[in-house]
Amino acid sequence: MDELKDKYFNTEEHTKRNHFKVLRRILLLSALLIGLLISFPYAYSYYQYSNAVQDKQYVVQQQLDKLLSIPDVTEYPWMRSLNPMAKSIEGGIVWSQDRQYGVMKFKNLPATADNQQYHLRLYDRNTTQAFSAAIFQQGSFMQSLRLVGFKANTTVQSPYKFILSLESKTGNEAEQVLLRAQP
């Protein structure tokens, strides 16, 4: 009987195996817990950022709804340039001449690199210069629909075109005209 017991139930070896299994489980659970604790602040900050972006979109949507109820408001669809980046962008501009305020609507607007930004310029029939109206970046998390409010930095008497371009923040690269809207 002792011989069978020693053969099948070597208690020292059995105890070492059990300790090793328990130690492996503790290390695995510890690594998992540490990973969760490290990733939680990143996930929470992404959640906060996502909520902030959604809140901004909600505010711009309310502004758009208000604009559309004003009689002087006009809406122009985007006309794409030959730039390949613009081939799937859709949307348009809603503009109020009285308020000198507008909203750009986009679908499928490509994400910008960290060193790039979109720039909207307004052109007035009465002058030969362009007026900067909006500068913004696009994150990859909002590819389906984007609303961007803008206000002319100078009174535009008679706007005749809106140009959206992609440009370098440093100005080292030539800007790329992507979209155009005209009355």
C-alpha atoms as a PDB file:
ATOM      1  CA  MET A   1       0.000   0.000   0.000  1.00  0.00           C
ATOM      2  CA  ASP A   2       2.798   2.442   0.877  1.00  0.00           C
ATOM      3  CA  GLU A   3       4.420   1.553  -2.384  1.00  0.00           C
ATOM      4  CA  LEU A   4       1.270   2.535  -4.330  1.00  0.00           C
ATOM      5  CA  LYS A   5       0.890   5.672  -2.270  1.00  0.00           C
ATOM      6  CA  ASP A   6       4.498   6.743  -3.018  1.00  0.00           C
ATOM      7  CA  LYS A   7       4.074   5.911  -6.685  1.00  0.00           C
ATOM      8  CA  TYR A   8       0.831   7.832  -7.280  1.00  0.00           C
ATOM      9  CA  PHE A   9       0.708  10.375  -4.515  1.00  0.00           C
ATOM     10  CA  ASN A  10       4.188  11.770  -4.120  1.00  0.00           C
ATOM     11  CA  THR A  11       3.102  14.552  -1.841  1.00  0.00           C
ATOM     12  CA  GLU A  12       6.182  16.726  -2.222  1.00  0.00           C
ATOM     13  CA  GLU A  13       6.045  16.658  -6.019  1.00  0.00           C
ATOM     14  CA  HIS A  14       2.251  17.062  -5.943  1.00  0.00           C
ATOM     15  CA  THR A  15       2.590  20.080  -3.646  1.00  0.00           C
ATOM     16  CA  LYS A  16       5.224  21.684  -5.921  1.00  0.00           C
ATOM     17  CA  ARG A  17       2.954  21.238  -8.952  1.00  0.00           C
ATOM     18  CA  ASN A  18       0.002  22.773  -7.122  1.00  0.00           C
ATOM     19  CA  HIS A  19       2.115  25.727  -5.970  1.00  0.00           C
ATOM     20  CA  PHE A  20       3.354  26.252  -9.519  1.00  0.00           C
ATOM     21  CA  LYS A  21      -0.224  26.212 -10.897  1.00  0.00           C
ATOM     22  CA  VAL A  22      -1.412  28.638  -8.230  1.00  0.00           C
ATOM     23  CA  LEU A  23       1.584  30.911  -8.816  1.00  0.00           C
ATOM     24  CA  ARG A  24       0.926  30.897 -12.581  1.00  0.00           C
ATOM     25  CA  ARG A  25      -2.709  31.831 -12.034  1.00  0.00           C
ATOM     26  CA  ILE A  26      -1.785  34.627  -9.620  1.00  0.00           C
ATOM     27  CA  LEU A  27       0.779  36.032 -12.069  1.00  0.00           C
ATOM     28  CA  LEU A  28      -1.682  35.840 -14.961  1.00  0.00           C
ATOM     29  CA  LEU A  29      -4.435  37.537 -12.965  1.00  0.00           C
ATOM     30  CA  SER A  30      -1.987  40.172 -11.711  1.00  0.00           C
ATOM     31  CA  ALA A  31      -0.841  40.951 -15.252  1.00  0.00           C
ATOM     32  CA  LEU A  32      -4.449  41.180 -16.387  1.00  0.00           C
ATOM     33  CA  LEU A  33      -5.350  43.454 -13.482  1.00  0.00           C
ATOM     34  CA  ILE A  34      -2.327  45.704 -14.103  1.00  0.00           C
ATOM     35  CA  GLY A  35      -3.229  45.888 -17.791  1.00  0.00           C
ATOM     36  CA  LEU A  36      -6.785  46.898 -16.937  1.00  0.00           C
ATOM     37  CA  LEU A  37      -5.627  49.501 -14.435  1.00  0.00           C
ATOM     38  CA  ILE A  38      -3.183  50.989 -16.950  1.00  0.00           C
ATOM     39  CA  SER A  39      -5.716  51.056 -19.802  1.00  0.00           C
ATOM     40  CA  PHE A  40      -8.583  52.494 -17.737  1.00  0.00           C
ATOM     41  CA  PRO A  41      -7.360  56.129 -17.773  1.00  0.00           C
ATOM     42  CA  TYR A  42      -6.801  55.950 -21.542  1.00  0.00           C
ATOM     43  CA  ALA A  43     -10.243  54.468 -22.128  1.00  0.00           C
ATOM     44  CA  TYR A  44     -11.828  57.055 -19.837  1.00  0.00           C
ATOM     45  CA  SER A  45     -10.062  59.961 -21.584  1.00  0.00           C
ATOM     46  CA  TYR A  46     -11.174  58.611 -24.982  1.00  0.00           C
ATOM     47  CA  TYR A  47     -14.724  58.336 -23.632  1.00  0.00           C
ATOM     48  CA  GLN A  48     -14.586  61.926 -22.341  1.00  0.00           C
ATOM     49  CA  TYR A  49     -13.143  63.184 -25.637  1.00  0.00           C
ATOM     50  CA  SER A  50     -15.754  61.297 -27.631  1.00  0.00           C
ATOM     51  CA  ASN A  51     -18.538  62.750 -25.473  1.00  0.00           C
ATOM     52  CA  ALA A  52     -17.117  66.261 -25.845  1.00  0.00           C
ATOM     53  CA  VAL A  53     -17.050  65.881 -29.630  1.00  0.00           C
ATOM     54  CA  GLN A  54     -20.618  64.575 -29.630  1.00  0.00           C
ATOM     55  CA  ASP A  55     -21.715  67.490 -27.438  1.00  0.00           C
ATOM     56  CA  LYS A  56     -20.081  69.963 -29.848  1.00  0.00           C
ATOM     57  CA  GLN A  57     -21.810  68.278 -32.776  1.00  0.00           C
ATOM     58  CA  TYR A  58     -25.127  68.543 -30.941  1.00  0.00           C
ATOM     59  CA  VAL A  59     -24.602  72.281 -30.384  1.00  0.00           C
ATOM     60  CA  VAL A  60     -23.697  72.830 -34.045  1.00  0.00           C
ATOM     61  CA  GLN A  61     -26.744  70.770 -35.074  1.00  0.00           C
ATOM     62  CA  GLN A  62     -28.938  73.092 -32.989  1.00  0.00           C
ATOM     63  CA  GLN A  63     -27.297  76.108 -34.630  1.00  0.00           C
ATOM     64  CA  LEU A  64     -27.928  74.563 -38.049  1.00  0.00           C
ATOM     65  CA  ASP A  65     -31.593  73.970 -37.219  1.00  0.00           C
ATOM     66  CA  LYS A  66     -31.881  77.590 -36.102  1.00  0.00           C
ATOM     67  CA  LEU A  67     -30.156  78.820 -39.275  1.00  0.00           C
ATOM     68  CA  LEU A  68     -32.469  76.829 -41.515  1.00  0.00           C
ATOM     69  CA  SER A  69     -35.463  78.614 -39.992  1.00  0.00           C
ATOM     70  CA  ILE A  70     -34.148  82.054 -41.043  1.00  0.00           C
ATOM     71  CA  PRO A  71     -35.458  83.397 -44.378  1.00  0.00           C
ATOM     72  CA  ASP A  72     -32.123  84.723 -45.759  1.00  0.00           C
ATOM     73  CA  VAL A  73     -30.313  81.403 -45.424  1.00  0.00           C
ATOM     74  CA  THR A  74     -28.932  79.766 -48.525  1.00  0.00           C
ATOM     75  CA  GLU A  75     -27.550  76.279 -48.956  1.00  0.00           C
ATOM     76  CA  TYR A  76     -24.871  75.304 -51.455  1.00  0.00           C
ATOM     77  CA  PRO A  77     -23.666  71.763 -52.202  1.00  0.00           C
ATOM     78  CA  TRP A  78     -19.962  70.984 -52.241  1.00  0.00           C
ATOM     79  CA  MET A  79     -18.370  70.678 -55.655  1.00  0.00           C
ATOM     80  CA  ARG A  80     -15.361  68.375 -55.546  1.00  0.00           C
ATOM     81  CA  SER A  81     -11.998  69.208 -57.037  1.00  0.00           C
ATOM     82  CA  LEU A  82      -9.979  66.683 -59.028  1.00  0.00           C
ATOM     83  CA  ASN A  83      -7.961  65.901 -55.906  1.00  0.00           C
ATOM     84  CA  PRO A  84      -8.345  62.141 -55.165  1.00  0.00           C
ATOM     85  CA  MET A  85      -8.904  62.906 -51.463  1.00  0.00           C
ATOM     86  CA  ALA A  86     -12.150  64.690 -52.351  1.00  0.00           C
ATOM     87  CA  LYS A  87     -13.724  61.928 -54.433  1.00  0.00           C
ATOM     88  CA  SER A  88     -16.061  60.578 -51.728  1.00  0.00           C
ATOM     89  CA  ILE A  89     -16.734  63.750 -49.717  1.00  0.00           C
ATOM     90  CA  GLU A  90     -20.350  64.882 -49.720  1.00  0.00           C
ATOM     91  CA  GLY A  91     -22.242  67.703 -48.044  1.00  0.00           C
ATOM     92  CA  GLY A  92     -22.589  71.422 -48.403  1.00  0.00           C
ATOM     93  CA  ILE A  93     -22.650  74.832 -46.764  1.00  0.00           C
ATOM     94  CA  VAL A  94     -25.532  76.624 -45.097  1.00  0.00           C
ATOM     95  CA  TRP A  95     -24.893  80.382 -44.956  1.00  0.00           C
ATOM     96  CA  SER A  96     -26.748  83.325 -43.423  1.00  0.00           C
ATOM     97  CA  GLN A  97     -25.762  86.647 -44.963  1.00  0.00           C
ATOM     98  CA  ASP A  98     -27.461  88.663 -42.197  1.00  0.00           C
ATOM     99  CA  ARG A  99     -25.743  86.800 -39.383  1.00  0.00           C
ATOM    100  CA  GLN A 100     -22.457  86.286 -41.224  1.00  0.00           C
ATOM    101  CA  TYR A 101     -22.536  82.736 -39.894  1.00  0.00           C
ATOM    102  CA  GLY A 102     -22.677  79.334 -41.530  1.00  0.00           C
ATOM    103  CA  VAL A 103     -22.375  75.591 -41.030  1.00  0.00           C
ATOM    104  CA  MET A 104     -20.406  73.173 -43.182  1.00  0.00           C
ATOM    105  CA  LYS A 105     -21.809  69.665 -43.554  1.00  0.00           C
ATOM    106  CA  PHE A 106     -19.567  66.751 -44.443  1.00  0.00           C
ATOM    107  CA  LYS A 107     -19.880  63.049 -45.045  1.00  0.00           C
ATOM    108  CA  ASN A 108     -16.736  60.959 -45.526  1.00  0.00           C
ATOM    109  CA  LEU A 109     -14.316  63.751 -44.698  1.00  0.00           C
ATOM    110  CA  PRO A 110     -10.832  62.177 -44.517  1.00  0.00           C
ATOM    111  CA  ALA A 111      -8.877  62.408 -41.274  1.00  0.00           C
ATOM    112  CA  THR A 112      -6.087  64.952 -41.114  1.00  0.00           C
ATOM    113  CA  ALA A 113      -2.537  64.137 -40.121  1.00  0.00           C
ATOM    114  CA  ASP A 114      -1.236  65.784 -36.947  1.00  0.00           C
ATOM    115  CA  ASN A 115       0.564  68.439 -38.974  1.00  0.00           C
ATOM    116  CA  GLN A 116      -2.403  69.208 -41.274  1.00  0.00           C
ATOM    117  CA  GLN A 117      -5.613  71.198 -40.994  1.00  0.00           C
ATOM    118  CA  TYR A 118      -8.618  72.107 -43.082  1.00  0.00           C
ATOM    119  CA  HIS A 119      -9.081  75.780 -43.922  1.00  0.00           C
ATOM    120  CA  LEU A 120     -12.280  77.400 -45.214  1.00  0.00           C
ATOM    121  CA  ARG A 121     -12.009  80.713 -47.029  1.00  0.00           C
ATOM    122  CA  LEU A 122     -14.808  83.020 -48.206  1.00  0.00           C
ATOM    123  CA  TYR A 123     -14.466  85.205 -51.262  1.00  0.00           C
ATOM    124  CA  ASP A 124     -16.331  88.500 -51.589  1.00  0.00           C
ATOM    125  CA  ARG A 125     -17.363  89.933 -54.989  1.00  0.00           C
ATOM    126  CA  ASN A 126     -16.488  93.439 -53.776  1.00  0.00           C
ATOM    127  CA  THR A 127     -12.863  92.659 -52.963  1.00  0.00           C
ATOM    128  CA  THR A 128     -10.161  90.502 -54.444  1.00  0.00           C
ATOM    129  CA  GLN A 129      -9.107  88.940 -51.181  1.00  0.00           C
ATOM    130  CA  ALA A 130     -10.151  85.779 -49.371  1.00  0.00           C
ATOM    131  CA  PHE A 131     -11.439  85.880 -45.809  1.00  0.00           C
ATOM    132  CA  SER A 132     -10.543  83.085 -43.420  1.00  0.00           C
ATOM    133  CA  ALA A 133     -13.684  81.597 -41.897  1.00  0.00           C
ATOM    134  CA  ALA A 134     -12.681  78.321 -40.220  1.00  0.00           C
ATOM    135  CA  ILE A 135      -9.655  76.189 -39.456  1.00  0.00           C
ATOM    136  CA  PHE A 136     -10.211  72.708 -38.068  1.00  0.00           C
ATOM    137  CA  GLN A 137      -8.889  69.168 -37.937  1.00  0.00           C
ATOM    138  CA  GLN A 138     -10.700  65.928 -38.558  1.00  0.00           C
ATOM    139  CA  GLY A 139     -10.247  62.854 -36.399  1.00  0.00           C
ATOM    140  CA  SER A 140     -10.704  59.354 -37.737  1.00  0.00           C
ATOM    141  CA  PHE A 141     -13.485  58.546 -35.247  1.00  0.00           C
ATOM    142  CA  MET A 142     -16.006  60.759 -37.096  1.00  0.00           C
ATOM    143  CA  GLN A 143     -15.842  59.657 -40.690  1.00  0.00           C
ATOM    144  CA  SER A 144     -19.581  59.413 -41.348  1.00  0.00           C
ATOM    145  CA  LEU A 145     -21.003  62.865 -40.491  1.00  0.00           C
ATOM    146  CA  ARG A 146     -19.413  66.115 -39.399  1.00  0.00           C
ATOM    147  CA  LEU A 147     -20.846  69.579 -38.842  1.00  0.00           C
ATOM    148  CA  VAL A 148     -18.532  72.575 -38.494  1.00  0.00           C
ATOM    149  CA  GLY A 149     -19.826  76.019 -37.654  1.00  0.00           C
ATOM    150  CA  PHE A 150     -17.972  79.045 -39.011  1.00  0.00           C
ATOM    151  CA  LYS A 151     -18.149  82.815 -38.876  1.00  0.00           C
ATOM    152  CA  ALA A 152     -16.526  85.277 -41.226  1.00  0.00           C
ATOM    153  CA  ASN A 153     -13.733  87.181 -39.474  1.00  0.00           C
ATOM    154  CA  THR A 154     -14.685  90.275 -41.510  1.00  0.00           C
ATOM    155  CA  THR A 155     -18.067  91.324 -42.871  1.00  0.00           C
ATOM    156  CA  VAL A 156     -18.533  89.747 -46.269  1.00  0.00           C
ATOM    157  CA  GLN A 157     -20.846  91.890 -48.395  1.00  0.00           C
ATOM    158  CA  SER A 158     -21.452  89.531 -51.279  1.00  0.00           C
ATOM    159  CA  PRO A 159     -19.912  86.068 -50.982  1.00  0.00           C
ATOM    160  CA  TYR A 160     -19.448  84.346 -54.303  1.00  0.00           C
ATOM    161  CA  LYS A 161     -17.468  81.248 -53.371  1.00  0.00           C
ATOM    162  CA  PHE A 162     -16.340  79.125 -50.441  1.00  0.00           C
ATOM    163  CA  ILE A 163     -13.121  77.127 -50.786  1.00  0.00           C
ATOM    164  CA  LEU A 164     -12.071  74.319 -48.447  1.00  0.00           C
ATOM    165  CA  SER A 165      -8.422  73.333 -48.628  1.00  0.00           C
ATOM    166  CA  LEU A 166      -6.112  70.989 -46.781  1.00  0.00           C
ATOM    167  CA  GLU A 167      -2.928  72.679 -45.643  1.00  0.00           C
ATOM    168  CA  SER A 168       0.127  72.154 -43.511  1.00  0.00           C
ATOM    169  CA  LYS A 169       0.084  73.824 -40.097  1.00  0.00           C
ATOM    170  CA  THR A 170       3.636  75.015 -40.656  1.00  0.00           C
ATOM    171  CA  GLY A 171       3.012  76.248 -44.194  1.00  0.00           C
ATOM    172  CA  ASN A 172       5.886  74.163 -45.574  1.00  0.00           C
ATOM    173  CA  GLU A 173       3.708  72.293 -48.061  1.00  0.00           C
ATOM    174  CA  ALA A 174       1.429  73.670 -50.763  1.00  0.00           C
ATOM    175  CA  GLU A 175      -2.243  73.679 -49.861  1.00  0.00           C
ATOM    176  CA  GLN A 176      -4.568  71.267 -51.632  1.00  0.00           C
ATOM    177  CA  VAL A 177      -7.942  72.617 -52.717  1.00  0.00           C
ATOM    178  CA  LEU A 178     -10.538  69.923 -52.016  1.00  0.00           C
ATOM    179  CA  LEU A 179     -14.015  71.431 -52.147  1.00  0.00           C
ATOM    180  CA  ARG A 180     -15.775  74.486 -53.474  1.00  0.00           C
ATOM    181  CA  ALA A 181     -19.288  75.858 -52.992  1.00  0.00           C
ATOM    182  CA  GLN A 182     -20.786  78.694 -55.020  1.00  0.00           C
ATOM    183  CA  PRO A 183     -24.092  80.538 -55.069  1.00  0.00           C
END
